[in-house]
């Protein structure tokens, strides 16, 4: 398959927020035997937006302090980012601003962005409200969703949605057409599932 465009999407967040579990759930429908990422891991998925064949490289980053410089280096030239925090750990929520600033520092142009609150299956341990997540997302200019890598809720949707958002941002400088049409023949049909997956306040 010859791609017209290749885009890079990075998953950022503190250690233990579930970035690698999200990664495995999306690509393998599995969340078992997850070890912390040591540096960087990446996988590829193909989409078709408008009439363009898109190669999307998803990059899973380590959140530990000793790997922060590695993660920051991979931010350069990024087309999209999913900022992840753990709904049961307020400290990881507070660190979202740090990762967002790192992203802005390494990218001059606008990119696709989503803020994702993981582990909503642990509702009784929640430390961050939906309203707090939504407020932060509004302040950094992106959409907010909650879900669970453990149950799989919203994982496919968010990973597909960031691909579309990243393409739309790329298109502003790389392609002047205004509309986006997603083909369901041999590719992922994202648009048809969007409304069903939007989070609501609990």
N, C-alpha and C. Protein backbone atom coordinates (compact mmCIF):
# COMPACT_ATOMS: atom_id res chain seq x y z
N UNK A 1 0.84 -1.20 0.00
CA UNK A 1 0.00 0.00 0.00
C UNK A 1 0.87 1.25 0.00
N UNK A 2 0.66 2.17 -0.96
CA UNK A 2 1.41 3.40 -1.04
C UNK A 2 0.60 4.50 -0.39
N UNK A 3 1.17 5.16 0.62
CA UNK A 3 0.44 6.18 1.35
C UNK A 3 0.65 7.54 0.72
N UNK A 4 -0.40 8.36 0.69
CA UNK A 4 -0.28 9.74 0.25
C UNK A 4 0.33 10.61 1.35
N UNK A 5 -0.03 10.30 2.61
CA UNK A 5 0.42 11.10 3.74
C UNK A 5 0.72 10.19 4.93
N UNK A 6 1.76 10.53 5.66
CA UNK A 6 2.09 9.81 6.89
C UNK A 6 2.06 10.79 8.04
N UNK A 7 1.26 10.49 9.08
CA UNK A 7 1.13 11.38 10.23
C UNK A 7 1.58 10.67 11.51
N UNK A 8 1.99 11.46 12.48
CA UNK A 8 2.47 10.92 13.75
C UNK A 8 1.58 11.40 14.89
N UNK A 9 1.09 10.46 15.68
CA UNK A 9 0.26 10.77 16.85
C UNK A 9 0.93 10.21 18.09
N UNK A 10 1.02 11.02 19.13
CA UNK A 10 1.72 10.61 20.34
C UNK A 10 0.75 10.57 21.52
N UNK A 11 0.95 9.59 22.40
CA UNK A 11 0.13 9.46 23.61
C UNK A 11 0.99 9.90 24.79
N UNK A 12 0.54 10.95 25.48
CA UNK A 12 1.33 11.54 26.56
C UNK A 12 0.59 11.48 27.89
N UNK A 13 1.37 11.37 28.95
CA UNK A 13 0.78 11.38 30.29
C UNK A 13 1.77 10.82 31.29
N UNK A 14 1.44 10.96 32.55
CA UNK A 14 2.30 10.46 33.62
C UNK A 14 2.36 8.93 33.62
N UNK A 15 3.33 8.40 34.32
CA UNK A 15 3.45 6.95 34.45
C UNK A 15 2.23 6.38 35.16
N UNK A 16 1.80 5.22 34.76
CA UNK A 16 0.69 4.44 35.35
C UNK A 16 -0.70 4.96 35.00
N UNK A 17 -0.83 5.95 34.11
CA UNK A 17 -2.17 6.42 33.74
C UNK A 17 -2.87 5.45 32.80
N UNK A 18 -2.10 4.53 32.20
CA UNK A 18 -2.71 3.52 31.33
C UNK A 18 -2.44 3.71 29.85
N UNK A 19 -1.40 4.46 29.50
CA UNK A 19 -1.09 4.71 28.09
C UNK A 19 -0.83 3.42 27.32
N UNK A 20 0.00 2.56 27.89
CA UNK A 20 0.33 1.31 27.21
C UNK A 20 -0.87 0.37 27.14
N UNK A 21 -1.71 0.38 28.16
CA UNK A 21 -2.91 -0.44 28.15
C UNK A 21 -3.87 0.03 27.07
N UNK A 22 -3.99 1.35 26.91
CA UNK A 22 -4.79 1.90 25.81
C UNK A 22 -4.24 1.44 24.47
N UNK A 23 -2.95 1.51 24.34
CA UNK A 23 -2.23 1.09 23.13
C UNK A 23 -2.55 -0.36 22.79
N UNK A 24 -2.41 -1.24 23.77
CA UNK A 24 -2.65 -2.67 23.55
C UNK A 24 -4.12 -2.97 23.28
N UNK A 25 -5.00 -2.27 23.97
CA UNK A 25 -6.44 -2.48 23.77
C UNK A 25 -6.83 -2.12 22.33
N UNK A 26 -6.29 -1.04 21.83
CA UNK A 26 -6.64 -0.57 20.48
C UNK A 26 -6.07 -1.49 19.39
N UNK A 27 -4.83 -1.88 19.54
CA UNK A 27 -4.18 -2.65 18.48
C UNK A 27 -4.36 -4.16 18.61
N UNK A 28 -4.55 -4.65 19.82
CA UNK A 28 -4.63 -6.10 20.02
C UNK A 28 -5.89 -6.55 20.75
N UNK A 29 -6.75 -5.60 21.15
CA UNK A 29 -7.93 -5.92 21.95
C UNK A 29 -7.55 -6.71 23.19
N UNK A 30 -6.44 -6.31 23.78
CA UNK A 30 -5.91 -7.02 24.95
C UNK A 30 -5.39 -5.99 25.94
N UNK A 31 -5.51 -6.28 27.22
CA UNK A 31 -4.99 -5.36 28.24
C UNK A 31 -4.22 -6.11 29.31
N UNK A 32 -3.90 -7.37 29.07
CA UNK A 32 -3.27 -8.20 30.09
C UNK A 32 -1.75 -8.12 30.01
N UNK A 33 -1.10 -8.42 31.11
CA UNK A 33 0.36 -8.50 31.21
C UNK A 33 1.03 -7.24 30.66
N UNK A 34 0.58 -6.10 31.14
CA UNK A 34 1.12 -4.83 30.68
C UNK A 34 2.29 -4.41 31.55
N UNK A 35 3.42 -4.13 30.92
CA UNK A 35 4.59 -3.59 31.60
C UNK A 35 4.75 -2.13 31.19
N UNK A 36 5.34 -1.33 32.08
CA UNK A 36 5.55 0.08 31.75
C UNK A 36 6.46 0.20 30.53
N UNK A 37 6.14 1.14 29.67
CA UNK A 37 6.96 1.37 28.48
C UNK A 37 8.31 1.93 28.89
N UNK A 38 9.37 1.34 28.34
CA UNK A 38 10.73 1.79 28.63
C UNK A 38 11.22 2.61 27.46
N UNK A 39 10.87 3.90 27.45
CA UNK A 39 11.26 4.77 26.35
C UNK A 39 10.10 5.00 25.41
N UNK A 40 10.14 4.38 24.21
CA UNK A 40 9.15 4.63 23.17
C UNK A 40 8.73 3.32 22.51
N UNK A 41 7.44 3.22 22.18
CA UNK A 41 6.94 2.12 21.37
C UNK A 41 6.01 2.73 20.34
N UNK A 42 5.88 2.10 19.18
CA UNK A 42 4.95 2.64 18.19
C UNK A 42 4.36 1.54 17.33
N UNK A 43 3.17 1.81 16.82
CA UNK A 43 2.49 0.91 15.89
C UNK A 43 1.78 1.75 14.85
N UNK A 44 1.40 1.10 13.74
CA UNK A 44 0.84 1.80 12.59
C UNK A 44 -0.54 1.30 12.25
N UNK A 45 -1.41 2.22 11.84
CA UNK A 45 -2.72 1.86 11.32
C UNK A 45 -3.01 2.70 10.09
N UNK A 46 -3.80 2.15 9.16
CA UNK A 46 -4.09 2.84 7.91
C UNK A 46 -5.54 3.31 7.88
N UNK A 47 -5.74 4.52 7.37
CA UNK A 47 -7.06 5.12 7.22
C UNK A 47 -7.20 5.65 5.79
N UNK A 48 -8.41 6.02 5.45
CA UNK A 48 -8.63 6.77 4.21
C UNK A 48 -9.51 7.96 4.52
N UNK A 49 -8.96 9.16 4.35
CA UNK A 49 -9.67 10.40 4.56
C UNK A 49 -9.78 11.10 3.22
N UNK A 50 -11.00 11.51 2.84
CA UNK A 50 -11.23 12.03 1.51
C UNK A 50 -10.72 10.97 0.52
N UNK A 51 -9.85 11.35 -0.39
CA UNK A 51 -9.32 10.37 -1.33
C UNK A 51 -7.86 10.04 -1.03
N UNK A 52 -7.42 10.36 0.18
CA UNK A 52 -6.02 10.14 0.54
C UNK A 52 -5.84 8.91 1.42
N UNK A 53 -4.84 8.12 1.09
CA UNK A 53 -4.46 6.99 1.92
C UNK A 53 -3.51 7.50 3.00
N UNK A 54 -3.88 7.25 4.26
CA UNK A 54 -3.14 7.80 5.38
C UNK A 54 -2.46 6.71 6.20
N UNK A 55 -1.20 6.89 6.45
CA UNK A 55 -0.46 6.02 7.37
C UNK A 55 -0.33 6.77 8.69
N UNK A 56 -0.95 6.25 9.74
CA UNK A 56 -0.91 6.90 11.05
C UNK A 56 0.00 6.10 11.98
N UNK A 57 1.07 6.73 12.43
CA UNK A 57 1.97 6.12 13.40
C UNK A 57 1.60 6.58 14.80
N UNK A 58 1.15 5.65 15.62
CA UNK A 58 0.81 5.95 17.02
C UNK A 58 2.03 5.65 17.89
N UNK A 59 2.42 6.61 18.72
CA UNK A 59 3.61 6.46 19.56
C UNK A 59 3.21 6.44 21.03
N UNK A 60 3.60 5.39 21.71
CA UNK A 60 3.36 5.25 23.15
C UNK A 60 4.62 5.67 23.87
N UNK A 61 4.51 6.60 24.81
CA UNK A 61 5.68 7.15 25.49
C UNK A 61 5.72 6.73 26.96
N UNK A 62 6.93 6.70 27.50
CA UNK A 62 7.10 6.43 28.93
C UNK A 62 6.83 7.71 29.70
N UNK A 63 6.17 7.58 30.85
CA UNK A 63 5.86 8.75 31.65
C UNK A 63 6.79 8.95 32.83
N UNK A 64 7.72 7.99 33.06
CA UNK A 64 8.60 8.12 34.21
C UNK A 64 9.54 9.31 34.03
N UNK A 65 9.94 9.89 35.14
CA UNK A 65 10.79 11.07 35.12
C UNK A 65 12.05 10.87 34.28
N UNK A 66 12.68 9.70 34.39
CA UNK A 66 13.95 9.50 33.69
C UNK A 66 13.78 9.39 32.17
N UNK A 67 12.54 9.19 31.71
CA UNK A 67 12.31 9.09 30.28
C UNK A 67 11.68 10.34 29.69
N UNK A 68 11.49 11.39 30.50
CA UNK A 68 10.81 12.58 29.99
C UNK A 68 11.54 13.22 28.82
N UNK A 69 12.87 13.24 28.86
CA UNK A 69 13.62 13.86 27.77
C UNK A 69 13.42 13.09 26.47
N UNK A 70 13.29 11.76 26.56
CA UNK A 70 13.04 10.94 25.37
C UNK A 70 11.68 11.27 24.79
N UNK A 71 10.67 11.32 25.66
CA UNK A 71 9.32 11.62 25.21
C UNK A 71 9.25 12.99 24.56
N UNK A 72 9.93 13.97 25.16
CA UNK A 72 9.90 15.32 24.63
C UNK A 72 10.54 15.38 23.25
N UNK A 73 11.60 14.63 23.02
CA UNK A 73 12.26 14.61 21.71
C UNK A 73 11.31 14.12 20.62
N UNK A 74 10.45 13.17 20.95
CA UNK A 74 9.53 12.62 19.97
C UNK A 74 8.34 13.53 19.69
N UNK A 75 8.20 14.59 20.46
CA UNK A 75 7.12 15.53 20.22
C UNK A 75 7.33 16.37 18.97
N UNK A 76 8.56 16.53 18.55
CA UNK A 76 8.86 17.36 17.39
C UNK A 76 8.25 16.74 16.14
N UNK A 77 7.51 17.56 15.40
CA UNK A 77 6.90 17.08 14.18
C UNK A 77 5.65 16.25 14.40
N UNK A 78 5.08 16.33 15.61
CA UNK A 78 3.86 15.56 15.92
C UNK A 78 2.65 16.20 15.26
N UNK A 79 1.75 15.36 14.75
CA UNK A 79 0.52 15.84 14.11
C UNK A 79 -0.69 15.75 15.04
N UNK A 80 -0.58 14.95 16.09
CA UNK A 80 -1.70 14.80 17.01
C UNK A 80 -1.24 14.26 18.35
N UNK A 81 -2.02 14.54 19.41
CA UNK A 81 -1.65 14.07 20.74
C UNK A 81 -2.90 13.71 21.53
N UNK A 82 -2.80 12.61 22.28
CA UNK A 82 -3.82 12.27 23.28
C UNK A 82 -3.16 12.48 24.65
N UNK A 83 -3.69 13.43 25.41
CA UNK A 83 -3.19 13.71 26.75
C UNK A 83 -4.01 12.87 27.73
N UNK A 84 -3.36 11.93 28.39
CA UNK A 84 -4.05 10.96 29.23
C UNK A 84 -3.76 11.20 30.71
N UNK A 85 -4.80 11.10 31.53
CA UNK A 85 -4.61 11.11 32.97
C UNK A 85 -5.49 10.03 33.59
N UNK A 86 -5.19 9.70 34.83
CA UNK A 86 -5.90 8.68 35.59
C UNK A 86 -6.97 9.35 36.44
N UNK A 87 -8.23 9.01 36.20
CA UNK A 87 -9.34 9.62 36.95
C UNK A 87 -9.27 9.35 38.45
N UNK A 88 -8.52 8.32 38.84
CA UNK A 88 -8.42 7.97 40.25
C UNK A 88 -7.17 8.54 40.90
N UNK A 89 -6.43 9.39 40.16
CA UNK A 89 -5.18 9.94 40.68
C UNK A 89 -5.08 11.41 40.29
N UNK A 90 -5.39 12.30 41.22
CA UNK A 90 -5.43 13.74 40.93
C UNK A 90 -4.08 14.27 40.48
N UNK A 91 -3.00 13.69 40.99
CA UNK A 91 -1.68 14.17 40.62
C UNK A 91 -1.43 14.03 39.11
N UNK A 92 -1.91 12.93 38.52
CA UNK A 92 -1.70 12.75 37.09
C UNK A 92 -2.51 13.76 36.28
N UNK A 93 -3.63 14.17 36.82
CA UNK A 93 -4.45 15.22 36.20
C UNK A 93 -3.70 16.55 36.21
N UNK A 94 -3.07 16.87 37.34
CA UNK A 94 -2.32 18.12 37.47
C UNK A 94 -1.13 18.16 36.52
N UNK A 95 -0.59 17.00 36.15
CA UNK A 95 0.57 16.95 35.26
C UNK A 95 0.21 17.13 33.79
N UNK A 96 -1.07 17.11 33.46
CA UNK A 96 -1.49 17.29 32.06
C UNK A 96 -0.97 18.62 31.52
N UNK A 97 -1.02 19.66 32.33
CA UNK A 97 -0.55 20.98 31.90
C UNK A 97 0.92 20.94 31.51
N UNK A 98 1.72 20.19 32.26
CA UNK A 98 3.15 20.06 31.94
C UNK A 98 3.33 19.45 30.56
N UNK A 99 2.62 18.34 30.29
CA UNK A 99 2.77 17.66 29.00
C UNK A 99 2.24 18.53 27.87
N UNK A 100 1.19 19.28 28.13
CA UNK A 100 0.66 20.18 27.10
C UNK A 100 1.66 21.27 26.76
N UNK A 101 2.33 21.80 27.76
CA UNK A 101 3.34 22.82 27.52
C UNK A 101 4.52 22.26 26.73
N UNK A 102 4.91 21.02 27.04
CA UNK A 102 5.98 20.37 26.28
C UNK A 102 5.59 20.24 24.81
N UNK A 103 4.36 19.87 24.58
CA UNK A 103 3.86 19.72 23.22
C UNK A 103 3.91 21.04 22.47
N UNK A 104 3.44 22.11 23.11
CA UNK A 104 3.42 23.43 22.46
C UNK A 104 4.84 23.92 22.17
N UNK A 105 5.76 23.65 23.07
CA UNK A 105 7.13 24.10 22.91
C UNK A 105 7.80 23.45 21.71
N UNK A 106 7.40 22.23 21.40
CA UNK A 106 8.05 21.48 20.33
C UNK A 106 7.28 21.48 19.01
N UNK A 107 6.13 22.14 18.97
CA UNK A 107 5.34 22.20 17.74
C UNK A 107 4.83 23.61 17.53
N UNK A 108 5.19 24.21 16.41
CA UNK A 108 4.82 25.59 16.14
C UNK A 108 3.38 25.71 15.65
N UNK A 109 2.93 24.75 14.85
CA UNK A 109 1.60 24.84 14.27
C UNK A 109 0.57 24.09 15.12
N UNK A 110 -0.71 24.31 14.84
CA UNK A 110 -1.77 23.60 15.54
C UNK A 110 -1.77 22.12 15.18
N UNK A 111 -2.09 21.29 16.14
CA UNK A 111 -2.17 19.85 15.91
C UNK A 111 -3.47 19.32 16.51
N UNK A 112 -3.84 18.11 16.15
CA UNK A 112 -5.02 17.49 16.74
C UNK A 112 -4.77 17.17 18.21
N UNK A 113 -5.77 17.42 19.07
CA UNK A 113 -5.60 17.20 20.50
C UNK A 113 -6.87 16.61 21.10
N UNK A 114 -6.69 15.68 22.03
CA UNK A 114 -7.78 15.15 22.84
C UNK A 114 -7.28 14.97 24.27
N UNK A 115 -8.09 15.34 25.24
CA UNK A 115 -7.81 15.03 26.65
C UNK A 115 -8.66 13.84 27.03
N UNK A 116 -8.01 12.82 27.60
CA UNK A 116 -8.71 11.57 27.91
C UNK A 116 -8.52 11.18 29.37
N UNK A 117 -9.63 11.04 30.10
CA UNK A 117 -9.60 10.56 31.47
C UNK A 117 -9.80 9.06 31.48
N UNK A 118 -8.76 8.31 31.85
CA UNK A 118 -8.80 6.85 31.83
C UNK A 118 -9.24 6.28 33.19
N UNK A 119 -9.71 5.06 33.18
CA UNK A 119 -10.09 4.29 34.37
C UNK A 119 -11.44 4.72 34.94
N UNK A 120 -12.40 5.04 34.09
CA UNK A 120 -13.72 5.38 34.61
C UNK A 120 -14.48 4.16 35.09
N UNK A 121 -13.89 2.96 34.93
CA UNK A 121 -14.49 1.75 35.49
C UNK A 121 -14.29 1.70 37.01
N UNK A 122 -13.40 2.56 37.54
CA UNK A 122 -13.14 2.62 38.99
C UNK A 122 -13.84 3.84 39.58
N UNK A 123 -15.13 3.94 39.35
CA UNK A 123 -15.89 5.13 39.72
C UNK A 123 -15.82 5.44 41.21
N UNK A 124 -15.77 4.41 42.04
CA UNK A 124 -15.75 4.64 43.49
C UNK A 124 -14.41 5.20 43.97
N UNK A 125 -13.40 5.19 43.09
CA UNK A 125 -12.09 5.72 43.46
C UNK A 125 -11.77 7.03 42.75
N UNK A 126 -12.74 7.57 42.06
CA UNK A 126 -12.55 8.78 41.27
C UNK A 126 -12.08 9.95 42.14
N UNK A 127 -11.05 10.67 41.65
CA UNK A 127 -10.55 11.87 42.32
C UNK A 127 -10.70 13.11 41.44
N UNK A 128 -11.07 12.90 40.17
CA UNK A 128 -11.24 14.02 39.24
C UNK A 128 -12.65 13.94 38.67
N UNK A 129 -13.41 15.02 38.80
CA UNK A 129 -14.78 15.02 38.30
C UNK A 129 -14.81 15.24 36.79
N UNK A 130 -15.93 14.88 36.19
CA UNK A 130 -16.10 15.14 34.76
C UNK A 130 -15.99 16.64 34.47
N UNK A 131 -16.57 17.44 35.34
CA UNK A 131 -16.56 18.89 35.15
C UNK A 131 -15.13 19.44 35.17
N UNK A 132 -14.28 18.91 36.05
CA UNK A 132 -12.88 19.35 36.10
C UNK A 132 -12.15 18.99 34.81
N UNK A 133 -12.41 17.79 34.32
CA UNK A 133 -11.78 17.37 33.07
C UNK A 133 -12.22 18.24 31.90
N UNK A 134 -13.51 18.51 31.85
CA UNK A 134 -14.06 19.34 30.77
C UNK A 134 -13.50 20.75 30.84
N UNK A 135 -13.37 21.29 32.03
CA UNK A 135 -12.85 22.65 32.19
C UNK A 135 -11.39 22.73 31.71
N UNK A 136 -10.59 21.73 32.05
CA UNK A 136 -9.20 21.72 31.61
C UNK A 136 -9.12 21.60 30.09
N UNK A 137 -9.94 20.73 29.53
CA UNK A 137 -9.94 20.57 28.07
C UNK A 137 -10.30 21.88 27.38
N UNK A 138 -11.28 22.58 27.91
CA UNK A 138 -11.67 23.88 27.34
C UNK A 138 -10.52 24.87 27.40
N UNK A 139 -9.76 24.83 28.50
CA UNK A 139 -8.67 25.80 28.69
C UNK A 139 -7.51 25.56 27.73
N UNK A 140 -7.32 24.31 27.29
CA UNK A 140 -6.23 24.02 26.36
C UNK A 140 -6.73 23.82 24.93
N UNK A 141 -8.03 24.02 24.75
CA UNK A 141 -8.57 24.03 23.40
C UNK A 141 -8.74 22.68 22.75
N UNK A 142 -9.34 21.72 23.47
CA UNK A 142 -9.57 20.41 22.87
C UNK A 142 -10.81 19.76 23.46
N UNK A 143 -11.23 18.65 22.87
CA UNK A 143 -12.37 17.89 23.38
C UNK A 143 -11.92 16.99 24.53
N UNK A 144 -12.89 16.64 25.37
CA UNK A 144 -12.62 15.78 26.53
C UNK A 144 -13.51 14.55 26.50
N UNK A 145 -12.90 13.40 26.75
CA UNK A 145 -13.63 12.14 26.82
C UNK A 145 -13.12 11.33 28.01
N UNK A 146 -13.99 10.48 28.53
CA UNK A 146 -13.61 9.54 29.58
C UNK A 146 -13.86 8.12 29.07
N UNK A 147 -13.10 7.19 29.61
CA UNK A 147 -13.27 5.80 29.21
C UNK A 147 -12.39 4.89 30.05
N UNK A 148 -12.20 3.69 29.56
CA UNK A 148 -11.43 2.70 30.31
C UNK A 148 -10.70 1.75 29.37
N UNK A 149 -9.38 1.71 29.51
CA UNK A 149 -8.61 0.74 28.75
C UNK A 149 -8.91 -0.68 29.24
N UNK A 150 -9.32 -0.81 30.50
CA UNK A 150 -9.63 -2.13 31.06
C UNK A 150 -10.90 -2.70 30.44
N UNK A 151 -11.95 -1.89 30.37
CA UNK A 151 -13.21 -2.37 29.79
C UNK A 151 -13.28 -2.17 28.28
N UNK A 152 -12.45 -1.27 27.78
CA UNK A 152 -12.46 -0.95 26.36
C UNK A 152 -13.34 0.23 26.00
N UNK A 153 -14.05 0.79 26.97
CA UNK A 153 -14.97 1.88 26.68
C UNK A 153 -14.25 3.09 26.09
N UNK A 154 -14.70 3.53 24.94
CA UNK A 154 -14.23 4.73 24.25
C UNK A 154 -12.80 4.65 23.70
N UNK A 155 -12.13 3.53 23.83
CA UNK A 155 -10.74 3.45 23.37
C UNK A 155 -10.67 3.52 21.84
N UNK A 156 -11.40 2.67 21.14
CA UNK A 156 -11.38 2.71 19.69
C UNK A 156 -11.82 4.08 19.18
N UNK A 157 -12.88 4.61 19.78
CA UNK A 157 -13.39 5.90 19.34
C UNK A 157 -12.34 6.99 19.46
N UNK A 158 -11.69 7.10 20.62
CA UNK A 158 -10.72 8.17 20.84
C UNK A 158 -9.51 8.02 19.93
N UNK A 159 -9.04 6.80 19.74
CA UNK A 159 -7.87 6.59 18.88
C UNK A 159 -8.21 6.88 17.41
N UNK A 160 -9.41 6.57 16.99
CA UNK A 160 -9.83 6.91 15.64
C UNK A 160 -10.10 8.40 15.49
N UNK A 161 -10.69 8.99 16.52
CA UNK A 161 -11.02 10.41 16.47
C UNK A 161 -9.77 11.28 16.38
N UNK A 162 -8.71 10.92 17.09
CA UNK A 162 -7.48 11.72 17.04
C UNK A 162 -6.85 11.63 15.66
N UNK A 163 -7.03 10.51 14.99
CA UNK A 163 -6.52 10.40 13.61
C UNK A 163 -7.25 11.39 12.71
N UNK A 164 -8.55 11.48 12.87
CA UNK A 164 -9.33 12.40 12.05
C UNK A 164 -8.99 13.85 12.37
N UNK A 165 -8.89 14.19 13.66
CA UNK A 165 -8.55 15.55 14.05
C UNK A 165 -7.17 15.95 13.53
N UNK A 166 -6.23 15.02 13.60
CA UNK A 166 -4.87 15.29 13.13
C UNK A 166 -4.85 15.52 11.62
N UNK A 167 -5.63 14.73 10.92
CA UNK A 167 -5.75 14.92 9.48
C UNK A 167 -6.34 16.29 9.16
N UNK A 168 -7.39 16.68 9.88
CA UNK A 168 -8.02 17.98 9.64
C UNK A 168 -7.05 19.14 9.86
N UNK A 169 -6.21 19.03 10.89
CA UNK A 169 -5.22 20.08 11.13
C UNK A 169 -4.16 20.08 10.04
N UNK A 170 -3.74 18.88 9.63
CA UNK A 170 -2.77 18.79 8.54
C UNK A 170 -3.33 19.38 7.26
N UNK A 171 -4.60 19.15 7.02
CA UNK A 171 -5.25 19.59 5.79
C UNK A 171 -5.29 21.11 5.66
N UNK A 172 -5.28 21.82 6.79
CA UNK A 172 -5.33 23.28 6.74
C UNK A 172 -4.10 23.86 6.06
N UNK A 173 -3.01 23.15 6.15
CA UNK A 173 -1.79 23.63 5.49
C UNK A 173 -1.40 22.75 4.31
N UNK A 174 -1.83 21.47 4.33
CA UNK A 174 -1.41 20.55 3.27
C UNK A 174 -2.46 20.30 2.22
N UNK A 175 -3.71 20.70 2.47
CA UNK A 175 -4.79 20.43 1.55
C UNK A 175 -5.90 21.44 1.81
N UNK A 176 -6.35 22.15 0.79
CA UNK A 176 -7.30 23.25 0.97
C UNK A 176 -8.76 22.84 0.92
N UNK A 177 -9.05 21.57 0.70
CA UNK A 177 -10.45 21.16 0.64
C UNK A 177 -11.09 21.25 2.02
N UNK A 178 -12.37 21.59 2.07
CA UNK A 178 -13.03 21.88 3.34
C UNK A 178 -13.73 20.69 3.96
N UNK A 179 -14.10 19.69 3.18
CA UNK A 179 -14.90 18.59 3.72
C UNK A 179 -14.06 17.35 3.90
N UNK A 180 -14.52 16.48 4.79
CA UNK A 180 -13.85 15.20 5.01
C UNK A 180 -14.86 14.08 4.82
N UNK A 181 -14.49 13.14 3.97
CA UNK A 181 -15.36 12.00 3.70
C UNK A 181 -14.59 10.73 4.04
N UNK A 182 -15.17 9.90 4.89
CA UNK A 182 -14.49 8.69 5.32
C UNK A 182 -15.06 7.48 4.59
N UNK A 183 -14.18 6.71 3.99
CA UNK A 183 -14.63 5.52 3.27
C UNK A 183 -14.69 4.34 4.21
N UNK A 184 -15.76 3.55 4.13
CA UNK A 184 -15.89 2.38 4.99
C UNK A 184 -15.45 1.10 4.27
N UNK A 185 -14.98 1.23 3.04
CA UNK A 185 -14.56 0.07 2.26
C UNK A 185 -13.08 -0.19 2.51
N UNK A 186 -12.79 -1.17 3.35
CA UNK A 186 -11.41 -1.52 3.64
C UNK A 186 -10.74 -0.62 4.66
N UNK A 187 -11.46 0.33 5.20
CA UNK A 187 -10.90 1.26 6.16
C UNK A 187 -11.86 1.43 7.33
N UNK A 188 -11.44 2.22 8.31
CA UNK A 188 -12.25 2.44 9.49
C UNK A 188 -13.24 3.57 9.23
N UNK A 189 -14.51 3.32 9.47
CA UNK A 189 -15.55 4.34 9.33
C UNK A 189 -15.74 5.01 10.69
N UNK A 190 -15.12 6.17 10.88
CA UNK A 190 -15.12 6.84 12.17
C UNK A 190 -16.39 7.62 12.42
N UNK A 191 -16.84 8.36 11.42
CA UNK A 191 -17.88 9.35 11.62
C UNK A 191 -19.19 8.76 12.14
N UNK A 192 -19.51 7.53 11.73
CA UNK A 192 -20.80 6.95 12.06
C UNK A 192 -20.97 6.64 13.55
N UNK A 193 -19.87 6.56 14.30
CA UNK A 193 -19.97 6.18 15.71
C UNK A 193 -19.72 7.34 16.66
N UNK A 194 -19.50 8.52 16.13
CA UNK A 194 -19.05 9.62 17.00
C UNK A 194 -20.05 9.98 18.09
N UNK A 195 -21.31 10.17 17.74
CA UNK A 195 -22.27 10.65 18.72
C UNK A 195 -22.50 9.64 19.84
N UNK A 196 -22.41 8.38 19.54
CA UNK A 196 -22.69 7.35 20.56
C UNK A 196 -21.62 7.32 21.63
N UNK A 197 -20.43 7.84 21.35
CA UNK A 197 -19.32 7.68 22.27
C UNK A 197 -19.00 8.93 23.08
N UNK A 198 -19.67 10.03 22.82
CA UNK A 198 -19.36 11.26 23.57
C UNK A 198 -19.76 11.05 25.03
N UNK A 199 -18.86 11.48 25.92
CA UNK A 199 -19.12 11.30 27.34
C UNK A 199 -20.12 12.32 27.84
N UNK A 200 -20.87 11.93 28.87
CA UNK A 200 -21.79 12.83 29.53
C UNK A 200 -21.42 12.94 30.99
N UNK A 201 -21.81 14.04 31.58
CA UNK A 201 -21.54 14.25 33.00
C UNK A 201 -22.26 13.21 33.82
N UNK A 202 -21.59 12.72 34.82
CA UNK A 202 -22.18 11.69 35.68
C UNK A 202 -22.98 12.33 36.79
